[in-house]
Amino acid sequence: MMKAIATILAAAAGASLAAGAHAADAKAAEALAKASGCLACHTVDKKLVGPSYKQIADKYRKEKGAEANLIGKVKAGGKGVWGDVPMPPNAHVKDADIKTIVQWIMSVK
């Protein structure tokens, strides 16, 4: 019985640490988006110039290959999916940073 309780407590502690790490990763990714200029046109939960990250995640979450597709869109820029306002290319942002930002966007609920 004592071993079972210890196992449950250890699992709960591990889940709590994982959630804390995820929150820290999300904060770091959001800071990266801000430093890269993304937050000039996007917010997490409401449309600004471009769609919110929540809208983007909702639209692409179930799409196979969405992450690679969005990384390409962020890098090259685009127009037409969300209206007539174009998103400029983000060639100045490192590929690894774009990937981190896109992964964070896809986690927004």
PDB file of N, CA and C in Angstrom:
ATOM      1  N   MET A   1       0.827  -1.188   0.000  1.00  0.00           N
ATOM      2  CA  MET A   1       0.000   0.000   0.000  1.00  0.00           C
ATOM      3  C   MET A   1       0.877   1.260   0.000  1.00  0.00           C
ATOM      4  N   MET A   2       1.894   1.271   0.872  1.00  0.00           N
ATOM      5  CA  MET A   2       2.785   2.411   0.956  1.00  0.00           C
ATOM      6  C   MET A   2       3.519   2.629  -0.364  1.00  0.00           C
ATOM      7  N   LYS A   3       3.907   1.541  -1.009  1.00  0.00           N
ATOM      8  CA  LYS A   3       4.612   1.631  -2.288  1.00  0.00           C
ATOM      9  C   LYS A   3       3.690   2.230  -3.356  1.00  0.00           C
ATOM     10  N   ALA A   4       2.409   1.841  -3.334  1.00  0.00           N
ATOM     11  CA  ALA A   4       1.439   2.368  -4.297  1.00  0.00           C
ATOM     12  C   ALA A   4       1.253   3.866  -4.102  1.00  0.00           C
ATOM     13  N   ILE A   5       1.191   4.308  -2.863  1.00  0.00           N
ATOM     14  CA  ILE A   5       1.031   5.736  -2.575  1.00  0.00           C
ATOM     15  C   ILE A   5       2.270   6.500  -3.039  1.00  0.00           C
ATOM     16  N   ALA A   6       3.433   5.955  -2.777  1.00  0.00           N
ATOM     17  CA  ALA A   6       4.669   6.603  -3.213  1.00  0.00           C
ATOM     18  C   ALA A   6       4.725   6.709  -4.731  1.00  0.00           C
ATOM     19  N   THR A   7       4.276   5.664  -5.411  1.00  0.00           N
ATOM     20  CA  THR A   7       4.261   5.673  -6.879  1.00  0.00           C
ATOM     21  C   THR A   7       3.312   6.749  -7.396  1.00  0.00           C
ATOM     22  N   ILE A   8       2.135   6.855  -6.787  1.00  0.00           N
ATOM     23  CA  ILE A   8       1.151   7.868  -7.203  1.00  0.00           C
ATOM     24  C   ILE A   8       1.708   9.268  -6.958  1.00  0.00           C
ATOM     25  N   LEU A   9       2.317   9.478  -5.801  1.00  0.00           N
ATOM     26  CA  LEU A   9       2.892  10.798  -5.502  1.00  0.00           C
ATOM     27  C   LEU A   9       4.027  11.149  -6.453  1.00  0.00           C
ATOM     28  N   ALA A  10       4.851  10.183  -6.776  1.00  0.00           N
ATOM     29  CA  ALA A  10       5.948  10.424  -7.718  1.00  0.00           C
ATOM     30  C   ALA A  10       5.410  10.773  -9.095  1.00  0.00           C
ATOM     31  N   ALA A  11       4.369  10.079  -9.531  1.00  0.00           N
ATOM     32  CA  ALA A  11       3.764  10.365 -10.838  1.00  0.00           C
ATOM     33  C   ALA A  11       3.162  11.757 -10.854  1.00  0.00           C
ATOM     34  N   ALA A  12       2.486  12.134  -9.764  1.00  0.00           N
ATOM     35  CA  ALA A  12       1.884  13.467  -9.678  1.00  0.00           C
ATOM     36  C   ALA A  12       2.961  14.545  -9.699  1.00  0.00           C
ATOM     37  N   ALA A  13       4.047  14.318  -8.984  1.00  0.00           N
ATOM     38  CA  ALA A  13       5.147  15.285  -8.973  1.00  0.00           C
ATOM     39  C   ALA A  13       5.762  15.416 -10.358  1.00  0.00           C
ATOM     40  N   GLY A  14       5.931  14.295 -11.048  1.00  0.00           N
ATOM     41  CA  GLY A  14       6.476  14.317 -12.402  1.00  0.00           C
ATOM     42  C   GLY A  14       5.574  15.073 -13.356  1.00  0.00           C
ATOM     43  N   ALA A  15       4.269  14.863 -13.243  1.00  0.00           N
ATOM     44  CA  ALA A  15       3.313  15.574 -14.098  1.00  0.00           C
ATOM     45  C   ALA A  15       3.349  17.066 -13.803  1.00  0.00           C
ATOM     46  N   SER A  16       3.474  17.416 -12.541  1.00  0.00           N
ATOM     47  CA  SER A  16       3.550  18.819 -12.161  1.00  0.00           C
ATOM     48  C   SER A  16       4.809  19.475 -12.721  1.00  0.00           C
ATOM     49  N   LEU A  17       5.933  18.784 -12.636  1.00  0.00           N
ATOM     50  CA  LEU A  17       7.181  19.309 -13.197  1.00  0.00           C
ATOM     51  C   LEU A  17       7.085  19.456 -14.708  1.00  0.00           C
ATOM     52  N   ALA A  18       6.459  18.479 -15.370  1.00  0.00           N
ATOM     53  CA  ALA A  18       6.299  18.547 -16.823  1.00  0.00           C
ATOM     54  C   ALA A  18       5.424  19.735 -17.196  1.00  0.00           C
ATOM     55  N   ALA A  19       4.349  19.961 -16.447  1.00  0.00           N
ATOM     56  CA  ALA A  19       3.472  21.099 -16.715  1.00  0.00           C
ATOM     57  C   ALA A  19       4.220  22.404 -16.505  1.00  0.00           C
ATOM     58  N   GLY A  20       5.043  22.466 -15.461  1.00  0.00           N
ATOM     59  CA  GLY A  20       5.842  23.660 -15.211  1.00  0.00           C
ATOM     60  C   GLY A  20       6.850  23.898 -16.313  1.00  0.00           C
ATOM     61  N   ALA A  21       7.478  22.839 -16.788  1.00  0.00           N
ATOM     62  CA  ALA A  21       8.435  22.955 -17.886  1.00  0.00           C
ATOM     63  C   ALA A  21       7.732  23.417 -19.151  1.00  0.00           C
ATOM     64  N   HIS A  22       6.531  22.876 -19.392  1.00  0.00           N
ATOM     65  CA  HIS A  22       5.759  23.275 -20.575  1.00  0.00           C
ATOM     66  C   HIS A  22       5.404  24.755 -20.496  1.00  0.00           C
ATOM     67  N   ALA A  23       5.013  25.223 -19.302  1.00  0.00           N
ATOM     68  CA  ALA A  23       4.681  26.639 -19.134  1.00  0.00           C
ATOM     69  C   ALA A  23       5.913  27.509 -19.381  1.00  0.00           C
ATOM     70  N   ALA A  24       7.063  27.066 -18.898  1.00  0.00           N
ATOM     71  CA  ALA A  24       8.297  27.815 -19.128  1.00  0.00           C
ATOM     72  C   ALA A  24       8.649  27.832 -20.609  1.00  0.00           C
ATOM     73  N   ASP A  25       8.463  26.690 -21.296  1.00  0.00           N
ATOM     74  CA  ASP A  25       8.713  26.629 -22.735  1.00  0.00           C
ATOM     75  C   ASP A  25       7.776  27.572 -23.482  1.00  0.00           C
ATOM     76  N   ALA A  26       6.512  27.618 -23.063  1.00  0.00           N
ATOM     77  CA  ALA A  26       5.531  28.498 -23.710  1.00  0.00           C
ATOM     78  C   ALA A  26       5.924  29.959 -23.524  1.00  0.00           C
ATOM     79  N   LYS A  27       6.357  30.327 -22.330  1.00  0.00           N
ATOM     80  CA  LYS A  27       6.795  31.708 -22.074  1.00  0.00           C
ATOM     81  C   LYS A  27       8.011  32.053 -22.928  1.00  0.00           C
ATOM     82  N   ALA A  28       8.943  31.116 -23.031  1.00  0.00           N
ATOM     83  CA  ALA A  28      10.142  31.341 -23.847  1.00  0.00           C
ATOM     84  C   ALA A  28       9.765  31.487 -25.317  1.00  0.00           C
ATOM     85  N   ALA A  29       8.842  30.664 -25.802  1.00  0.00           N
ATOM     86  CA  ALA A  29       8.420  30.746 -27.203  1.00  0.00           C
ATOM     87  C   ALA A  29       7.675  32.052 -27.466  1.00  0.00           C
ATOM     88  N   GLU A  30       6.840  32.470 -26.520  1.00  0.00           N
ATOM     89  CA  GLU A  30       6.128  33.734 -26.686  1.00  0.00           C
ATOM     90  C   GLU A  30       7.120  34.903 -26.698  1.00  0.00           C
ATOM     91  N   ALA A  31       8.123  34.858 -25.848  1.00  0.00           N
ATOM     92  CA  ALA A  31       9.160  35.896 -25.838  1.00  0.00           C
ATOM     93  C   ALA A  31       9.921  35.905 -27.162  1.00  0.00           C
ATOM     94  N   LEU A  32      10.167  34.733 -27.717  1.00  0.00           N
ATOM     95  CA  LEU A  32      10.836  34.614 -29.008  1.00  0.00           C
ATOM     96  C   LEU A  32       9.968  35.219 -30.115  1.00  0.00           C
ATOM     97  N   ALA A  33       8.661  34.961 -30.060  1.00  0.00           N
ATOM     98  CA  ALA A  33       7.734  35.548 -31.040  1.00  0.00           C
ATOM     99  C   ALA A  33       7.746  37.070 -30.934  1.00  0.00           C
ATOM    100  N   LYS A  34       7.768  37.567 -29.712  1.00  0.00           N
ATOM    101  CA  LYS A  34       7.802  39.019 -29.509  1.00  0.00           C
ATOM    102  C   LYS A  34       9.102  39.605 -30.061  1.00  0.00           C
ATOM    103  N   ALA A  35      10.220  38.975 -29.733  1.00  0.00           N
ATOM    104  CA  ALA A  35      11.528  39.459 -30.196  1.00  0.00           C
ATOM    105  C   ALA A  35      11.652  39.388 -31.717  1.00  0.00           C
ATOM    106  N   SER A  36      10.940  38.468 -32.334  1.00  0.00           N
ATOM    107  CA  SER A  36      10.993  38.291 -33.792  1.00  0.00           C
ATOM    108  C   SER A  36      10.028  39.206 -34.527  1.00  0.00           C
ATOM    109  N   GLY A  37       9.216  39.962 -33.798  1.00  0.00           N
ATOM    110  CA  GLY A  37       8.282  40.898 -34.416  1.00  0.00           C
ATOM    111  C   GLY A  37       6.899  40.339 -34.689  1.00  0.00           C
ATOM    112  N   CYS A  38       6.654  39.106 -34.321  1.00  0.00           N
ATOM    113  CA  CYS A  38       5.366  38.454 -34.616  1.00  0.00           C
ATOM    114  C   CYS A  38       4.190  39.125 -33.900  1.00  0.00           C
ATOM    115  N   LEU A  39       4.448  39.610 -32.668  1.00  0.00           N
ATOM    116  CA  LEU A  39       3.363  40.173 -31.873  1.00  0.00           C
ATOM    117  C   LEU A  39       2.963  41.577 -32.332  1.00  0.00           C
ATOM    118  N   ALA A  40       3.640  42.102 -33.338  1.00  0.00           N
ATOM    119  CA  ALA A  40       3.219  43.375 -33.914  1.00  0.00           C
ATOM    120  C   ALA A  40       1.911  43.197 -34.691  1.00  0.00           C
ATOM    121  N   CYS A  41       1.671  41.983 -35.200  1.00  0.00           N
ATOM    122  CA  CYS A  41       0.482  41.722 -36.011  1.00  0.00           C
ATOM    123  C   CYS A  41      -0.428  40.640 -35.439  1.00  0.00           C
ATOM    124  N   HIS A  42       0.058  39.844 -34.495  1.00  0.00           N
ATOM    125  CA  HIS A  42      -0.713  38.730 -33.938  1.00  0.00           C
ATOM    126  C   HIS A  42      -0.777  38.823 -32.416  1.00  0.00           C
ATOM    127  N   THR A  43      -1.857  38.305 -31.847  1.00  0.00           N
ATOM    128  CA  THR A  43      -1.950  38.121 -30.405  1.00  0.00           C
ATOM    129  C   THR A  43      -2.330  36.663 -30.167  1.00  0.00           C
ATOM    130  N   VAL A  44      -2.305  36.253 -28.932  1.00  0.00           N
ATOM    131  CA  VAL A  44      -2.633  34.866 -28.616  1.00  0.00           C
ATOM    132  C   VAL A  44      -4.108  34.573 -28.867  1.00  0.00           C
ATOM    133  N   ASP A  45      -4.993  35.487 -28.440  1.00  0.00           N
ATOM    134  CA  ASP A  45      -6.408  35.118 -28.423  1.00  0.00           C
ATOM    135  C   ASP A  45      -7.376  36.039 -29.154  1.00  0.00           C
ATOM    136  N   LYS A  46      -6.881  37.052 -29.849  1.00  0.00           N
ATOM    137  CA  LYS A  46      -7.794  37.888 -30.638  1.00  0.00           C
ATOM    138  C   LYS A  46      -7.107  38.382 -31.904  1.00  0.00           C
ATOM    139  N   LYS A  47      -7.915  38.582 -32.935  1.00  0.00           N
ATOM    140  CA  LYS A  47      -7.404  39.055 -34.221  1.00  0.00           C
ATOM    141  C   LYS A  47      -6.854  40.465 -34.038  1.00  0.00           C
ATOM    142  N   LEU A  48      -5.714  40.719 -34.627  1.00  0.00           N
ATOM    143  CA  LEU A  48      -5.129  42.056 -34.632  1.00  0.00           C
ATOM    144  C   LEU A  48      -5.027  42.445 -36.105  1.00  0.00           C
ATOM    145  N   VAL A  49      -3.859  42.525 -36.669  1.00  0.00           N
ATOM    146  CA  VAL A  49      -3.701  42.700 -38.119  1.00  0.00           C
ATOM    147  C   VAL A  49      -3.911  41.346 -38.784  1.00  0.00           C
ATOM    148  N   GLY A  50      -3.299  40.328 -38.189  1.00  0.00           N
ATOM    149  CA  GLY A  50      -3.455  38.959 -38.663  1.00  0.00           C
ATOM    150  C   GLY A  50      -4.287  38.168 -37.671  1.00  0.00           C
ATOM    151  N   PRO A  51      -4.532  36.908 -37.970  1.00  0.00           N
ATOM    152  CA  PRO A  51      -5.340  36.074 -37.075  1.00  0.00           C
ATOM    153  C   PRO A  51      -4.634  35.831 -35.745  1.00  0.00           C
ATOM    154  N   SER A  52      -5.418  35.507 -34.727  1.00  0.00           N
ATOM    155  CA  SER A  52      -4.824  35.165 -33.431  1.00  0.00           C
ATOM    156  C   SER A  52      -4.153  33.801 -33.548  1.00  0.00           C
ATOM    157  N   TYR A  53      -3.257  33.538 -32.624  1.00  0.00           N
ATOM    158  CA  TYR A  53      -2.610  32.227 -32.606  1.00  0.00           C
ATOM    159  C   TYR A  53      -3.624  31.126 -32.309  1.00  0.00           C
ATOM    160  N   LYS A  54      -4.639  31.446 -31.524  1.00  0.00           N
ATOM    161  CA  LYS A  54      -5.686  30.471 -31.252  1.00  0.00           C
ATOM    162  C   LYS A  54      -6.423  30.119 -32.547  1.00  0.00           C
ATOM    163  N   GLN A  55      -6.750  31.122 -33.357  1.00  0.00           N
ATOM    164  CA  GLN A  55      -7.419  30.866 -34.640  1.00  0.00           C
ATOM    165  C   GLN A  55      -6.544  30.004 -35.544  1.00  0.00           C
ATOM    166  N   ILE A  56      -5.261  30.304 -35.582  1.00  0.00           N
ATOM    167  CA  ILE A  56      -4.338  29.537 -36.427  1.00  0.00           C
ATOM    168  C   ILE A  56      -4.279  28.085 -35.958  1.00  0.00           C
ATOM    169  N   ALA A  57      -4.112  27.902 -34.655  1.00  0.00           N
ATOM    170  CA  ALA A  57      -4.038  26.544 -34.109  1.00  0.00           C
ATOM    171  C   ALA A  57      -5.329  25.778 -34.387  1.00  0.00           C
ATOM    172  N   ASP A  58      -6.470  26.434 -34.175  1.00  0.00           N
ATOM    173  CA  ASP A  58      -7.766  25.777 -34.423  1.00  0.00           C
ATOM    174  C   ASP A  58      -7.912  25.361 -35.882  1.00  0.00           C
ATOM    175  N   LYS A  59      -7.453  26.210 -36.787  1.00  0.00           N
ATOM    176  CA  LYS A  59      -7.589  25.920 -38.219  1.00  0.00           C
ATOM    177  C   LYS A  59      -6.692  24.757 -38.665  1.00  0.00           C
ATOM    178  N   TYR A  60      -5.474  24.699 -38.141  1.00  0.00           N
ATOM    179  CA  TYR A  60      -4.487  23.752 -38.654  1.00  0.00           C
ATOM    180  C   TYR A  60      -4.212  22.543 -37.756  1.00  0.00           C
ATOM    181  N   ARG A  61      -4.752  22.540 -36.544  1.00  0.00           N
ATOM    182  CA  ARG A  61      -4.415  21.500 -35.566  1.00  0.00           C
ATOM    183  C   ARG A  61      -4.564  20.083 -36.106  1.00  0.00           C
ATOM    184  N   LYS A  62      -5.598  19.809 -36.865  1.00  0.00           N
ATOM    185  CA  LYS A  62      -5.859  18.444 -37.339  1.00  0.00           C
ATOM    186  C   LYS A  62      -5.286  18.173 -38.734  1.00  0.00           C
ATOM    187  N   GLU A  63      -4.653  19.163 -39.321  1.00  0.00           N
ATOM    188  CA  GLU A  63      -4.111  19.017 -40.669  1.00  0.00           C
ATOM    189  C   GLU A  63      -2.768  18.290 -40.633  1.00  0.00           C
ATOM    190  N   LYS A  64      -2.666  17.243 -41.418  1.00  0.00           N
ATOM    191  CA  LYS A  64      -1.399  16.513 -41.513  1.00  0.00           C
ATOM    192  C   LYS A  64      -0.369  17.414 -42.186  1.00  0.00           C
ATOM    193  N   GLY A  65       0.812  17.490 -41.605  1.00  0.00           N
ATOM    194  CA  GLY A  65       1.869  18.324 -42.166  1.00  0.00           C
ATOM    195  C   GLY A  65       1.727  19.806 -41.857  1.00  0.00           C
ATOM    196  N   ALA A  66       0.850  20.145 -40.909  1.00  0.00           N
ATOM    197  CA  ALA A  66       0.586  21.554 -40.606  1.00  0.00           C
ATOM    198  C   ALA A  66       1.835  22.289 -40.118  1.00  0.00           C
ATOM    199  N   GLU A  67       2.618  21.637 -39.274  1.00  0.00           N
ATOM    200  CA  GLU A  67       3.792  22.315 -38.729  1.00  0.00           C
ATOM    201  C   GLU A  67       4.747  22.742 -39.845  1.00  0.00           C
ATOM    202  N   ALA A  68       5.079  21.835 -40.731  1.00  0.00           N
ATOM    203  CA  ALA A  68       5.987  22.159 -41.842  1.00  0.00           C
ATOM    204  C   ALA A  68       5.367  23.215 -42.755  1.00  0.00           C
ATOM    205  N   ASN A  69       4.073  23.106 -42.997  1.00  0.00           N
ATOM    206  CA  ASN A  69       3.357  24.073 -43.829  1.00  0.00           C
ATOM    207  C   ASN A  69       3.447  25.474 -43.219  1.00  0.00           C
ATOM    208  N   LEU A  70       3.186  25.573 -41.921  1.00  0.00           N
ATOM    209  CA  LEU A  70       3.210  26.877 -41.269  1.00  0.00           C
ATOM    210  C   LEU A  70       4.624  27.437 -41.168  1.00  0.00           C
ATOM    211  N   ILE A  71       5.597  26.585 -40.950  1.00  0.00           N
ATOM    212  CA  ILE A  71       6.989  27.051 -40.930  1.00  0.00           C
ATOM    213  C   ILE A  71       7.324  27.698 -42.278  1.00  0.00           C
ATOM    214  N   GLY A  72       6.913  27.058 -43.356  1.00  0.00           N
ATOM    215  CA  GLY A  72       7.139  27.615 -44.686  1.00  0.00           C
ATOM    216  C   GLY A  72       6.419  28.933 -44.888  1.00  0.00           C
ATOM    217  N   LYS A  73       5.180  29.028 -44.407  1.00  0.00           N
ATOM    218  CA  LYS A  73       4.411  30.271 -44.550  1.00  0.00           C
ATOM    219  C   LYS A  73       5.038  31.407 -43.756  1.00  0.00           C
ATOM    220  N   VAL A  74       5.486  31.099 -42.536  1.00  0.00           N
ATOM    221  CA  VAL A  74       6.106  32.136 -41.719  1.00  0.00           C
ATOM    222  C   VAL A  74       7.389  32.618 -42.383  1.00  0.00           C
ATOM    223  N   LYS A  75       8.181  31.703 -42.890  1.00  0.00           N
ATOM    224  CA  LYS A  75       9.468  32.046 -43.522  1.00  0.00           C
ATOM    225  C   LYS A  75       9.264  32.878 -44.800  1.00  0.00           C
ATOM    226  N   ALA A  76       8.356  32.414 -45.667  1.00  0.00           N
ATOM    227  CA  ALA A  76       8.174  33.043 -46.979  1.00  0.00           C
ATOM    228  C   ALA A  76       7.161  34.186 -46.992  1.00  0.00           C
ATOM    229  N   GLY A  77       6.288  34.231 -45.976  1.00  0.00           N
ATOM    230  CA  GLY A  77       5.200  35.198 -45.997  1.00  0.00           C
ATOM    231  C   GLY A  77       4.052  34.647 -46.822  1.00  0.00           C
ATOM    232  N   GLY A  78       2.982  35.404 -46.934  1.00  0.00           N
ATOM    233  CA  GLY A  78       1.853  34.929 -47.713  1.00  0.00           C
ATOM    234  C   GLY A  78       0.694  35.893 -47.676  1.00  0.00           C
ATOM    235  N   LYS A  79      -0.336  35.524 -48.432  1.00  0.00           N
ATOM    236  CA  LYS A  79      -1.527  36.363 -48.535  1.00  0.00           C
ATOM    237  C   LYS A  79      -2.690  35.502 -49.010  1.00  0.00           C
ATOM    238  N   GLY A  80      -3.873  35.832 -48.528  1.00  0.00           N
ATOM    239  CA  GLY A  80      -5.068  35.207 -49.064  1.00  0.00           C
ATOM    240  C   GLY A  80      -5.757  34.206 -48.173  1.00  0.00           C
ATOM    241  N   VAL A  81      -5.047  33.547 -47.275  1.00  0.00           N
ATOM    242  CA  VAL A  81      -5.674  32.544 -46.418  1.00  0.00           C
ATOM    243  C   VAL A  81      -6.568  33.213 -45.382  1.00  0.00           C
ATOM    244  N   TRP A  82      -6.128  34.336 -44.839  1.00  0.00           N
ATOM    245  CA  TRP A  82      -6.854  35.020 -43.773  1.00  0.00           C
ATOM    246  C   TRP A  82      -7.378  36.383 -44.225  1.00  0.00           C
ATOM    247  N   GLY A  83      -7.333  36.669 -45.506  1.00  0.00           N
ATOM    248  CA  GLY A  83      -7.792  37.962 -46.005  1.00  0.00           C
ATOM    249  C   GLY A  83      -6.762  38.570 -46.942  1.00  0.00           C
ATOM    250  N   ASP A  84      -6.942  39.840 -47.220  1.00  0.00           N
ATOM    251  CA  ASP A  84      -6.096  40.507 -48.210  1.00  0.00           C
ATOM    252  C   ASP A  84      -4.805  41.105 -47.647  1.00  0.00           C
ATOM    253  N   VAL A  85      -4.697  41.213 -46.340  1.00  0.00           N
ATOM    254  CA  VAL A  85      -3.490  41.798 -45.756  1.00  0.00           C
ATOM    255  C   VAL A  85      -2.380  40.759 -45.803  1.00  0.00           C
ATOM    256  N   PRO A  86      -1.287  41.061 -46.494  1.00  0.00           N
ATOM    257  CA  PRO A  86      -0.204  40.078 -46.613  1.00  0.00           C
ATOM    258  C   PRO A  86       0.626  39.983 -45.331  1.00  0.00           C
ATOM    259  N   MET A  87       1.163  38.801 -45.090  1.00  0.00           N
ATOM    260  CA  MET A  87       2.146  38.630 -44.030  1.00  0.00           C
ATOM    261  C   MET A  87       3.502  38.700 -44.711  1.00  0.00           C
ATOM    262  N   PRO A  88       4.358  39.617 -44.270  1.00  0.00           N
ATOM    263  CA  PRO A  88       5.664  39.729 -44.912  1.00  0.00           C
ATOM    264  C   PRO A  88       6.532  38.512 -44.611  1.00  0.00           C
ATOM    265  N   PRO A  89       7.506  38.260 -45.474  1.00  0.00           N
ATOM    266  CA  PRO A  89       8.434  37.159 -45.200  1.00  0.00           C
ATOM    267  C   PRO A  89       9.233  37.425 -43.927  1.00  0.00           C
ATOM    268  N   ASN A  90       9.617  36.368 -43.272  1.00  0.00           N
ATOM    269  CA  ASN A  90      10.391  36.477 -42.033  1.00  0.00           C
ATOM    270  C   ASN A  90      11.736  35.780 -42.189  1.00  0.00           C
ATOM    271  N   ALA A  91      12.419  36.100 -43.272  1.00  0.00           N
ATOM    272  CA  ALA A  91      13.717  35.478 -43.571  1.00  0.00           C
ATOM    273  C   ALA A  91      14.768  35.839 -42.534  1.00  0.00           C
ATOM    274  N   HIS A  92      14.549  36.911 -41.781  1.00  0.00           N
ATOM    275  CA  HIS A  92      15.506  37.337 -40.757  1.00  0.00           C
ATOM    276  C   HIS A  92      15.454  36.462 -39.504  1.00  0.00           C
ATOM    277  N   VAL A  93      14.399  35.641 -39.369  1.00  0.00           N
ATOM    278  CA  VAL A  93      14.237  34.794 -38.184  1.00  0.00           C
ATOM    279  C   VAL A  93      14.866  33.428 -38.467  1.00  0.00           C
ATOM    280  N   LYS A  94      15.669  32.939 -37.536  1.00  0.00           N
ATOM    281  CA  LYS A  94      16.321  31.640 -37.693  1.00  0.00           C
ATOM    282  C   LYS A  94      15.270  30.537 -37.841  1.00  0.00           C
ATOM    283  N   ASP A  95      15.585  29.551 -38.668  1.00  0.00           N
ATOM    284  CA  ASP A  95      14.672  28.424 -38.893  1.00  0.00           C
ATOM    285  C   ASP A  95      14.295  27.734 -37.586  1.00  0.00           C
ATOM    286  N   ALA A  96      15.246  27.525 -36.710  1.00  0.00           N
ATOM    287  CA  ALA A  96      14.969  26.864 -35.426  1.00  0.00           C
ATOM    288  C   ALA A  96      14.011  27.698 -34.584  1.00  0.00           C
ATOM    289  N   ASP A  97      14.138  29.019 -34.656  1.00  0.00           N
ATOM    290  CA  ASP A  97      13.236  29.893 -33.908  1.00  0.00           C
ATOM    291  C   ASP A  97      11.826  29.847 -34.490  1.00  0.00           C
ATOM    292  N   ILE A  98      11.732  29.836 -35.811  1.00  0.00           N
ATOM    293  CA  ILE A  98      10.413  29.725 -36.448  1.00  0.00           C
ATOM    294  C   ILE A  98       9.756  28.417 -36.038  1.00  0.00           C
ATOM    295  N   LYS A  99      10.510  27.342 -36.025  1.00  0.00           N
ATOM    296  CA  LYS A  99       9.956  26.048 -35.624  1.00  0.00           C
ATOM    297  C   LYS A  99       9.447  26.098 -34.186  1.00  0.00           C
ATOM    298  N   THR A 100      10.208  26.696 -33.288  1.00  0.00           N
ATOM    299  CA  THR A 100       9.794  26.819 -31.896  1.00  0.00           C
ATOM    300  C   THR A 100       8.510  27.632 -31.780  1.00  0.00           C
ATOM    301  N   ILE A 101       8.442  28.732 -32.497  1.00  0.00           N
ATOM    302  CA  ILE A 101       7.256  29.589 -32.465  1.00  0.00           C
ATOM    303  C   ILE A 101       6.040  28.855 -33.020  1.00  0.00           C
ATOM    304  N   VAL A 102       6.203  28.187 -34.137  1.00  0.00           N
ATOM    305  CA  VAL A 102       5.081  27.445 -34.746  1.00  0.00           C
ATOM    306  C   VAL A 102       4.610  26.324 -33.817  1.00  0.00           C
ATOM    307  N   GLN A 103       5.530  25.610 -33.202  1.00  0.00           N
ATOM    308  CA  GLN A 103       5.126  24.558 -32.269  1.00  0.00           C
ATOM    309  C   GLN A 103       4.330  25.142 -31.104  1.00  0.00           C
ATOM    310  N   TRP A 104       4.743  26.290 -30.625  1.00  0.00           N
ATOM    311  CA  TRP A 104       4.012  26.956 -29.549  1.00  0.00           C
ATOM    312  C   TRP A 104       2.629  27.380 -30.039  1.00  0.00           C
ATOM    313  N   ILE A 105       2.569  27.999 -31.217  1.00  0.00           N
ATOM    314  CA  ILE A 105       1.274  28.422 -31.762  1.00  0.00           C
ATOM    315  C   ILE A 105       0.321  27.217 -31.852  1.00  0.00           C
ATOM    316  N   MET A 106       0.827  26.100 -32.333  1.00  0.00           N
ATOM    317  CA  MET A 106      -0.023  24.910 -32.483  1.00  0.00           C
ATOM    318  C   MET A 106      -0.488  24.352 -31.141  1.00  0.00           C
ATOM    319  N   SER A 107       0.150  24.754 -30.044  1.00  0.00           N
ATOM    320  CA  SER A 107      -0.266  24.279 -28.722  1.00  0.00           C
ATOM    321  C   SER A 107      -1.310  25.183 -28.080  1.00  0.00           C
ATOM    322  N   VAL A 108      -1.547  26.347 -28.671  1.00  0.00           N
ATOM    323  CA  VAL A 108      -2.496  27.304 -28.090  1.00  0.00           C
ATOM    324  C   VAL A 108      -3.914  26.751 -28.208  1.00  0.00           C
ATOM    325  N   LYS A 109      -4.635  26.825 -27.107  1.00  0.00           N
ATOM    326  CA  LYS A 109      -6.035  26.336 -27.095  1.00  0.00           C
ATOM    327  C   LYS A 109      -6.974  27.402 -26.618  1.00  0.00           C
TER     328      LYS A 109
END
